[in-house]
Amino acid sequence: MAKRPDLTGHQKKIVNRYYENRDTISTTKLAEVISSLYLEDDPKKSGRLWKSAETALVNLGVAGPVAASLVAARDVRALAEAAEKIARDGGGAGVRGPKTT
């Protein structure tokens, strides 16, 4: 993190802890979005949730095209499997797009 003379020591510690736990925060956010997607009936709200899911995937290290393909498939189960793999492996580097049949 860049030096920020405008922050107090206490504030700097808060900011540093945020960045230390950023992957956990993003993983939790993705899990919450997936839960909301399972329950959501409104297509407009669902679209916003899918965009949030894509952002969370990219923040977790999933390649942009892979995240886009997971979102484009609109398959909540595939998204949940990807999130499980991310949580298990500690990052999104090994996540692949949805299977096409």
Protein backbone atom coordinates (compact mmCIF):
# COMPACT_ATOMS: atom_id res chain seq x y z
CA MET A 1 0.00 0.00 0.00
CA ALA A 2 1.27 3.48 -0.84
CA LYS A 3 2.28 5.70 2.03
CA ARG A 4 -0.67 7.73 3.20
CA PRO A 5 0.41 10.53 5.55
CA ASP A 6 -3.23 11.58 5.93
CA LEU A 7 -4.11 8.36 7.81
CA THR A 8 -3.54 7.82 11.50
CA GLY A 9 -1.73 4.71 12.70
CA HIS A 10 -5.04 3.13 13.68
CA GLN A 11 -6.55 3.83 10.26
CA LYS A 12 -3.47 2.39 8.52
CA LYS A 13 -3.88 -0.84 10.48
CA ILE A 14 -7.54 -1.07 9.45
CA VAL A 15 -6.65 -0.55 5.77
CA ASN A 16 -3.81 -3.09 5.96
CA ARG A 17 -6.08 -5.71 7.55
CA TYR A 18 -8.62 -5.15 4.78
CA TYR A 19 -6.01 -5.88 2.10
CA GLU A 20 -4.67 -8.88 4.03
CA ASN A 21 -8.18 -10.38 4.10
CA ARG A 22 -9.32 -9.26 0.67
CA ASP A 23 -9.52 -12.80 -0.74
CA THR A 24 -11.69 -13.95 2.17
CA ILE A 25 -13.93 -10.91 1.75
CA SER A 26 -14.32 -11.60 -1.99
CA THR A 27 -15.00 -15.30 -1.40
CA THR A 28 -17.70 -14.45 1.12
CA LYS A 29 -19.21 -11.87 -1.23
CA LEU A 30 -19.33 -14.45 -4.04
CA ALA A 31 -21.05 -16.98 -1.75
CA GLU A 32 -23.64 -14.37 -0.77
CA VAL A 33 -24.28 -13.49 -4.43
CA ILE A 34 -24.73 -17.18 -5.30
CA SER A 35 -27.23 -17.60 -2.46
CA SER A 36 -29.15 -14.57 -3.68
CA LEU A 37 -29.13 -15.88 -7.26
CA TYR A 38 -30.71 -19.16 -6.13
CA LEU A 39 -33.56 -17.23 -4.52
CA GLU A 40 -34.03 -14.35 -6.97
CA ASP A 41 -37.02 -14.35 -9.33
CA ASP A 42 -36.78 -10.82 -10.74
CA PRO A 43 -34.73 -10.84 -14.00
CA LYS A 44 -33.51 -7.27 -13.45
CA LYS A 45 -32.15 -8.00 -9.98
CA SER A 46 -30.77 -11.29 -11.23
CA GLY A 47 -28.83 -9.46 -13.95
CA ARG A 48 -27.24 -7.17 -11.36
CA LEU A 49 -26.33 -10.17 -9.23
CA TRP A 50 -24.67 -11.89 -12.20
CA LYS A 51 -22.57 -8.75 -12.78
CA SER A 52 -21.58 -8.79 -9.10
CA ALA A 53 -20.63 -12.45 -9.43
CA GLU A 54 -18.40 -11.67 -12.41
CA THR A 55 -16.68 -8.88 -10.49
CA ALA A 56 -16.13 -11.15 -7.49
CA LEU A 57 -14.69 -13.89 -9.73
CA VAL A 58 -12.23 -11.48 -11.34
CA ASN A 59 -11.24 -10.13 -7.90
CA LEU A 60 -10.49 -13.70 -6.83
CA GLY A 61 -8.10 -14.24 -9.74
CA VAL A 62 -10.34 -16.00 -12.25
CA ALA A 63 -9.34 -15.04 -15.79
CA GLY A 64 -11.67 -12.49 -17.38
CA PRO A 65 -12.84 -14.73 -20.25
CA VAL A 66 -13.51 -17.63 -17.86
CA ALA A 67 -15.50 -15.39 -15.52
CA ALA A 68 -17.43 -14.00 -18.48
CA SER A 69 -18.25 -17.51 -19.75
CA LEU A 70 -19.48 -18.59 -16.29
CA VAL A 71 -21.73 -15.54 -16.13
CA ALA A 72 -22.91 -15.87 -19.74
CA ALA A 73 -24.01 -19.47 -19.06
CA ARG A 74 -26.33 -18.22 -16.27
CA ASP A 75 -25.84 -21.57 -14.52
CA VAL A 76 -25.95 -21.06 -10.76
CA ARG A 77 -24.81 -24.63 -10.13
CA ALA A 78 -21.66 -24.15 -12.26
CA LEU A 79 -20.99 -20.86 -10.50
CA ALA A 80 -21.37 -22.55 -7.11
CA GLU A 81 -18.95 -25.31 -8.17
CA ALA A 82 -16.43 -22.68 -9.29
CA ALA A 83 -16.81 -20.87 -5.95
CA GLU A 84 -16.28 -24.13 -4.09
CA LYS A 85 -13.08 -24.78 -6.07
CA ILE A 86 -11.86 -21.24 -5.36
CA ALA A 87 -12.53 -21.64 -1.63
CA ARG A 88 -10.84 -25.05 -1.57
CA ASP A 89 -7.77 -24.07 -3.61
CA GLY A 90 -7.37 -20.57 -2.23
CA GLY A 91 -7.61 -18.75 -5.55
CA GLY A 92 -9.20 -18.66 -8.95
CA ALA A 93 -6.24 -19.65 -11.10
CA GLY A 94 -7.47 -23.20 -11.75
CA VAL A 95 -11.11 -22.38 -12.44
CA ARG A 96 -12.41 -23.29 -15.87
CA GLY A 97 -15.52 -22.21 -17.70
CA PRO A 98 -18.77 -24.16 -17.68
CA LYS A 99 -18.99 -27.45 -19.53
CA THR A 100 -20.81 -27.26 -22.83
CA THR A 101 -22.85 -30.19 -24.03
